[in-house]
Amino acid sequence: MAISSNNIQVYTTLSKELVAEIDKDAKANYRTRSQQINMILTEYYKTQTTTKHESE
């Protein structure tokens, strides 16, 4: 993903085991590691937002 004015680059440390799972899923879905992590986080927060609005 290109860095634009709407994006912020984030660095984190993950366990080797978690990265292996992310890489396995990324490969299965023809994504890069970065794209897979982006998808995971985006889906997580979409779900959180949807769940929060449904409970109100």
PDB file of N, CA and C in Angstrom:
ATOM      1  N   MET A   1       0.855  -1.160   0.000  1.00  0.00           N
ATOM      2  CA  MET A   1       0.000   0.000   0.000  1.00  0.00           C
ATOM      3  C   MET A   1       0.905   1.229   0.000  1.00  0.00           C
ATOM      4  N   ALA A   2       0.645   2.135  -0.863  1.00  0.00           N
ATOM      5  CA  ALA A   2       1.419   3.374  -0.924  1.00  0.00           C
ATOM      6  C   ALA A   2       1.056   4.262   0.261  1.00  0.00           C
ATOM      7  N   ILE A   3       2.052   4.976   0.742  1.00  0.00           N
ATOM      8  CA  ILE A   3       1.812   5.900   1.846  1.00  0.00           C
ATOM      9  C   ILE A   3       1.285   7.203   1.267  1.00  0.00           C
ATOM     10  N   SER A   4       0.079   7.563   1.644  1.00  0.00           N
ATOM     11  CA  SER A   4      -0.513   8.821   1.199  1.00  0.00           C
ATOM     12  C   SER A   4      -0.837   9.659   2.425  1.00  0.00           C
ATOM     13  N   SER A   5      -1.360  10.837   2.195  1.00  0.00           N
ATOM     14  CA  SER A   5      -1.691  11.715   3.318  1.00  0.00           C
ATOM     15  C   SER A   5      -2.792  11.127   4.200  1.00  0.00           C
ATOM     16  N   ASN A   6      -3.539  10.132   3.691  1.00  0.00           N
ATOM     17  CA  ASN A   6      -4.603   9.500   4.478  1.00  0.00           C
ATOM     18  C   ASN A   6      -4.118   8.275   5.250  1.00  0.00           C
ATOM     19  N   ASN A   7      -2.856   7.898   5.063  1.00  0.00           N
ATOM     20  CA  ASN A   7      -2.319   6.690   5.687  1.00  0.00           C
ATOM     21  C   ASN A   7      -1.213   7.031   6.665  1.00  0.00           C
ATOM     22  N   ILE A   8      -1.072   6.205   7.671  1.00  0.00           N
ATOM     23  CA  ILE A   8       0.017   6.319   8.633  1.00  0.00           C
ATOM     24  C   ILE A   8       0.687   4.956   8.706  1.00  0.00           C
ATOM     25  N   GLN A   9       1.997   4.934   8.577  1.00  0.00           N
ATOM     26  CA  GLN A   9       2.733   3.682   8.650  1.00  0.00           C
ATOM     27  C   GLN A   9       2.948   3.311  10.111  1.00  0.00           C
ATOM     28  N   VAL A  10       2.697   2.038  10.444  1.00  0.00           N
ATOM     29  CA  VAL A  10       2.792   1.565  11.820  1.00  0.00           C
ATOM     30  C   VAL A  10       3.737   0.366  11.858  1.00  0.00           C
ATOM     31  N   TYR A  11       4.590   0.335  12.864  1.00  0.00           N
ATOM     32  CA  TYR A  11       5.500  -0.792  13.066  1.00  0.00           C
ATOM     33  C   TYR A  11       5.117  -1.505  14.350  1.00  0.00           C
ATOM     34  N   THR A  12       5.195  -2.828  14.346  1.00  0.00           N
ATOM     35  CA  THR A  12       4.878  -3.607  15.538  1.00  0.00           C
ATOM     36  C   THR A  12       5.741  -4.858  15.565  1.00  0.00           C
ATOM     37  N   THR A  13       5.805  -5.491  16.703  1.00  0.00           N
ATOM     38  CA  THR A  13       6.526  -6.751  16.849  1.00  0.00           C
ATOM     39  C   THR A  13       5.502  -7.840  17.141  1.00  0.00           C
ATOM     40  N   LEU A  14       5.566  -8.912  16.353  1.00  0.00           N
ATOM     41  CA  LEU A  14       4.649 -10.036  16.510  1.00  0.00           C
ATOM     42  C   LEU A  14       5.460 -11.313  16.715  1.00  0.00           C
ATOM     43  N   SER A  15       4.850 -12.306  17.318  1.00  0.00           N
ATOM     44  CA  SER A  15       5.539 -13.583  17.523  1.00  0.00           C
ATOM     45  C   SER A  15       5.762 -14.276  16.181  1.00  0.00           C
ATOM     46  N   LYS A  16       6.786 -15.116  16.134  1.00  0.00           N
ATOM     47  CA  LYS A  16       7.069 -15.879  14.912  1.00  0.00           C
ATOM     48  C   LYS A  16       5.882 -16.752  14.541  1.00  0.00           C
ATOM     49  N   GLU A  17       5.222 -17.307  15.545  1.00  0.00           N
ATOM     50  CA  GLU A  17       4.073 -18.180  15.299  1.00  0.00           C
ATOM     51  C   GLU A  17       2.921 -17.417  14.654  1.00  0.00           C
ATOM     52  N   LEU A  18       2.649 -16.218  15.156  1.00  0.00           N
ATOM     53  CA  LEU A  18       1.567 -15.407  14.595  1.00  0.00           C
ATOM     54  C   LEU A  18       1.896 -14.978  13.170  1.00  0.00           C
ATOM     55  N   VAL A  19       3.135 -14.583  12.939  1.00  0.00           N
ATOM     56  CA  VAL A  19       3.545 -14.177  11.593  1.00  0.00           C
ATOM     57  C   VAL A  19       3.446 -15.363  10.632  1.00  0.00           C
ATOM     58  N   ALA A  20       3.774 -16.549  11.095  1.00  0.00           N
ATOM     59  CA  ALA A  20       3.651 -17.741  10.250  1.00  0.00           C
ATOM     60  C   ALA A  20       2.197 -17.963   9.849  1.00  0.00           C
ATOM     61  N   GLU A  21       1.260 -17.777  10.791  1.00  0.00           N
ATOM     62  CA  GLU A  21      -0.173 -17.909  10.482  1.00  0.00           C
ATOM     63  C   GLU A  21      -0.628 -16.832   9.499  1.00  0.00           C
ATOM     64  N   ILE A  22      -0.184 -15.613   9.725  1.00  0.00           N
ATOM     65  CA  ILE A  22      -0.535 -14.501   8.831  1.00  0.00           C
ATOM     66  C   ILE A  22      -0.009 -14.779   7.432  1.00  0.00           C
ATOM     67  N   ASP A  23       1.242 -15.229   7.345  1.00  0.00           N
ATOM     68  CA  ASP A  23       1.843 -15.524   6.043  1.00  0.00           C
ATOM     69  C   ASP A  23       1.118 -16.661   5.332  1.00  0.00           C
ATOM     70  N   LYS A  24       0.712 -17.694   6.097  1.00  0.00           N
ATOM     71  CA  LYS A  24      -0.019 -18.824   5.514  1.00  0.00           C
ATOM     72  C   LYS A  24      -1.345 -18.345   4.921  1.00  0.00           C
ATOM     73  N   ASP A  25      -2.078 -17.543   5.685  1.00  0.00           N
ATOM     74  CA  ASP A  25      -3.354 -17.014   5.200  1.00  0.00           C
ATOM     75  C   ASP A  25      -3.150 -16.059   4.028  1.00  0.00           C
ATOM     76  N   ALA A  26      -2.105 -15.250   4.097  1.00  0.00           N
ATOM     77  CA  ALA A  26      -1.819 -14.312   3.010  1.00  0.00           C
ATOM     78  C   ALA A  26      -1.549 -15.074   1.718  1.00  0.00           C
ATOM     79  N   LYS A  27      -0.733 -16.116   1.805  1.00  0.00           N
ATOM     80  CA  LYS A  27      -0.408 -16.915   0.615  1.00  0.00           C
ATOM     81  C   LYS A  27      -1.665 -17.559   0.035  1.00  0.00           C
ATOM     82  N   ALA A  28      -2.518 -18.085   0.901  1.00  0.00           N
ATOM     83  CA  ALA A  28      -3.750 -18.739   0.448  1.00  0.00           C
ATOM     84  C   ALA A  28      -4.686 -17.760  -0.253  1.00  0.00           C
ATOM     85  N   ASN A  29      -4.598 -16.487   0.113  1.00  0.00           N
ATOM     86  CA  ASN A  29      -5.475 -15.465  -0.462  1.00  0.00           C
ATOM     87  C   ASN A  29      -4.763 -14.535  -1.441  1.00  0.00           C
ATOM     88  N   TYR A  30      -3.548 -14.937  -1.866  1.00  0.00           N
ATOM     89  CA  TYR A  30      -2.763 -14.162  -2.837  1.00  0.00           C
ATOM     90  C   TYR A  30      -2.560 -12.719  -2.386  1.00  0.00           C
ATOM     91  N   ARG A  31      -2.220 -12.562  -1.104  1.00  0.00           N
ATOM     92  CA  ARG A  31      -1.952 -11.238  -0.548  1.00  0.00           C
ATOM     93  C   ARG A  31      -0.522 -11.198  -0.019  1.00  0.00           C
ATOM     94  N   THR A  32      -0.008  -9.988   0.135  1.00  0.00           N
ATOM     95  CA  THR A  32       1.262  -9.823   0.828  1.00  0.00           C
ATOM     96  C   THR A  32       0.987  -9.841   2.330  1.00  0.00           C
ATOM     97  N   ARG A  33       2.029  -9.960   3.117  1.00  0.00           N
ATOM     98  CA  ARG A  33       1.870  -9.912   4.576  1.00  0.00           C
ATOM     99  C   ARG A  33       1.211  -8.602   4.989  1.00  0.00           C
ATOM    100  N   SER A  34       1.678  -7.507   4.423  1.00  0.00           N
ATOM    101  CA  SER A  34       1.125  -6.193   4.754  1.00  0.00           C
ATOM    102  C   SER A  34      -0.361  -6.113   4.406  1.00  0.00           C
ATOM    103  N   GLN A  35      -0.719  -6.607   3.233  1.00  0.00           N
ATOM    104  CA  GLN A  35      -2.128  -6.596   2.827  1.00  0.00           C
ATOM    105  C   GLN A  35      -2.971  -7.462   3.760  1.00  0.00           C
ATOM    106  N   GLN A  36      -2.425  -8.604   4.184  1.00  0.00           N
ATOM    107  CA  GLN A  36      -3.163  -9.506   5.073  1.00  0.00           C
ATOM    108  C   GLN A  36      -3.390  -8.855   6.436  1.00  0.00           C
ATOM    109  N   ILE A  37      -2.355  -8.235   6.989  1.00  0.00           N
ATOM    110  CA  ILE A  37      -2.500  -7.563   8.283  1.00  0.00           C
ATOM    111  C   ILE A  37      -3.497  -6.416   8.166  1.00  0.00           C
ATOM    112  N   ASN A  38      -3.421  -5.672   7.074  1.00  0.00           N
ATOM    113  CA  ASN A  38      -4.367  -4.577   6.838  1.00  0.00           C
ATOM    114  C   ASN A  38      -5.799  -5.114   6.795  1.00  0.00           C
ATOM    115  N   MET A  39      -6.010  -6.220   6.087  1.00  0.00           N
ATOM    116  CA  MET A  39      -7.339  -6.818   5.984  1.00  0.00           C
ATOM    117  C   MET A  39      -7.834  -7.275   7.357  1.00  0.00           C
ATOM    118  N   ILE A  40      -6.973  -7.915   8.139  1.00  0.00           N
ATOM    119  CA  ILE A  40      -7.349  -8.397   9.471  1.00  0.00           C
ATOM    120  C   ILE A  40      -7.787  -7.232  10.356  1.00  0.00           C
ATOM    121  N   LEU A  41      -6.988  -6.187  10.383  1.00  0.00           N
ATOM    122  CA  LEU A  41      -7.321  -5.035  11.229  1.00  0.00           C
ATOM    123  C   LEU A  41      -8.578  -4.324  10.749  1.00  0.00           C
ATOM    124  N   THR A  42      -8.716  -4.155   9.445  1.00  0.00           N
ATOM    125  CA  THR A  42      -9.895  -3.489   8.885  1.00  0.00           C
ATOM    126  C   THR A  42     -11.159  -4.274   9.222  1.00  0.00           C
ATOM    127  N   GLU A  43     -11.124  -5.592   9.013  1.00  0.00           N
ATOM    128  CA  GLU A  43     -12.290  -6.426   9.315  1.00  0.00           C
ATOM    129  C   GLU A  43     -12.605  -6.414  10.811  1.00  0.00           C
ATOM    130  N   TYR A  44     -11.589  -6.440  11.637  1.00  0.00           N
ATOM    131  CA  TYR A  44     -11.801  -6.405  13.087  1.00  0.00           C
ATOM    132  C   TYR A  44     -12.543  -5.135  13.488  1.00  0.00           C
ATOM    133  N   TYR A  45     -12.081  -3.999  13.001  1.00  0.00           N
ATOM    134  CA  TYR A  45     -12.710  -2.741  13.411  1.00  0.00           C
ATOM    135  C   TYR A  45     -14.063  -2.518  12.750  1.00  0.00           C
ATOM    136  N   LYS A  46     -14.274  -3.061  11.558  1.00  0.00           N
ATOM    137  CA  LYS A  46     -15.615  -3.016  10.958  1.00  0.00           C
ATOM    138  C   LYS A  46     -16.578  -3.800  11.840  1.00  0.00           C
ATOM    139  N   THR A  47     -16.156  -4.969  12.294  1.00  0.00           N
ATOM    140  CA  THR A  47     -16.981  -5.817  13.153  1.00  0.00           C
ATOM    141  C   THR A  47     -17.260  -5.124  14.479  1.00  0.00           C
ATOM    142  N   GLN A  48     -16.250  -4.509  15.066  1.00  0.00           N
ATOM    143  CA  GLN A  48     -16.423  -3.802  16.334  1.00  0.00           C
ATOM    144  C   GLN A  48     -17.424  -2.662  16.189  1.00  0.00           C
ATOM    145  N   THR A  49     -17.307  -1.905  15.103  1.00  0.00           N
ATOM    146  CA  THR A  49     -18.202  -0.778  14.855  1.00  0.00           C
ATOM    147  C   THR A  49     -19.628  -1.273  14.656  1.00  0.00           C
ATOM    148  N   THR A  50     -19.789  -2.340  13.872  1.00  0.00           N
ATOM    149  CA  THR A  50     -21.113  -2.906  13.619  1.00  0.00           C
ATOM    150  C   THR A  50     -21.723  -3.430  14.916  1.00  0.00           C
ATOM    151  N   THR A  51     -20.947  -4.152  15.696  1.00  0.00           N
ATOM    152  CA  THR A  51     -21.423  -4.707  16.961  1.00  0.00           C
ATOM    153  C   THR A  51     -21.802  -3.593  17.929  1.00  0.00           C
ATOM    154  N   LYS A  52     -20.998  -2.557  17.983  1.00  0.00           N
ATOM    155  CA  LYS A  52     -21.265  -1.437  18.886  1.00  0.00           C
ATOM    156  C   LYS A  52     -22.579  -0.751  18.517  1.00  0.00           C
ATOM    157  N   HIS A  53     -22.801  -0.513  17.212  1.00  0.00           N
ATOM    158  CA  HIS A  53     -24.025   0.155  16.769  1.00  0.00           C
ATOM    159  C   HIS A  53     -25.257  -0.726  16.984  1.00  0.00           C
ATOM    160  N   GLU A  54     -25.102  -2.031  16.840  1.00  0.00           N
ATOM    161  CA  GLU A  54     -26.234  -2.932  17.031  1.00  0.00           C
ATOM    162  C   GLU A  54     -26.660  -2.999  18.492  1.00  0.00           C
ATOM    163  N   SER A  55     -25.713  -2.811  19.408  1.00  0.00           N
ATOM    164  CA  SER A  55     -26.047  -2.904  20.829  1.00  0.00           C
ATOM    165  C   SER A  55     -26.613  -1.601  21.388  1.00  0.00           C
ATOM    166  N   GLU A  56     -26.585  -0.539  20.620  1.00  0.00           N
ATOM    167  CA  GLU A  56     -27.111   0.756  21.093  1.00  0.00           C
ATOM    168  C   GLU A  56     -28.601   0.865  20.887  1.00  0.00           C
TER     169      GLU A  56
END
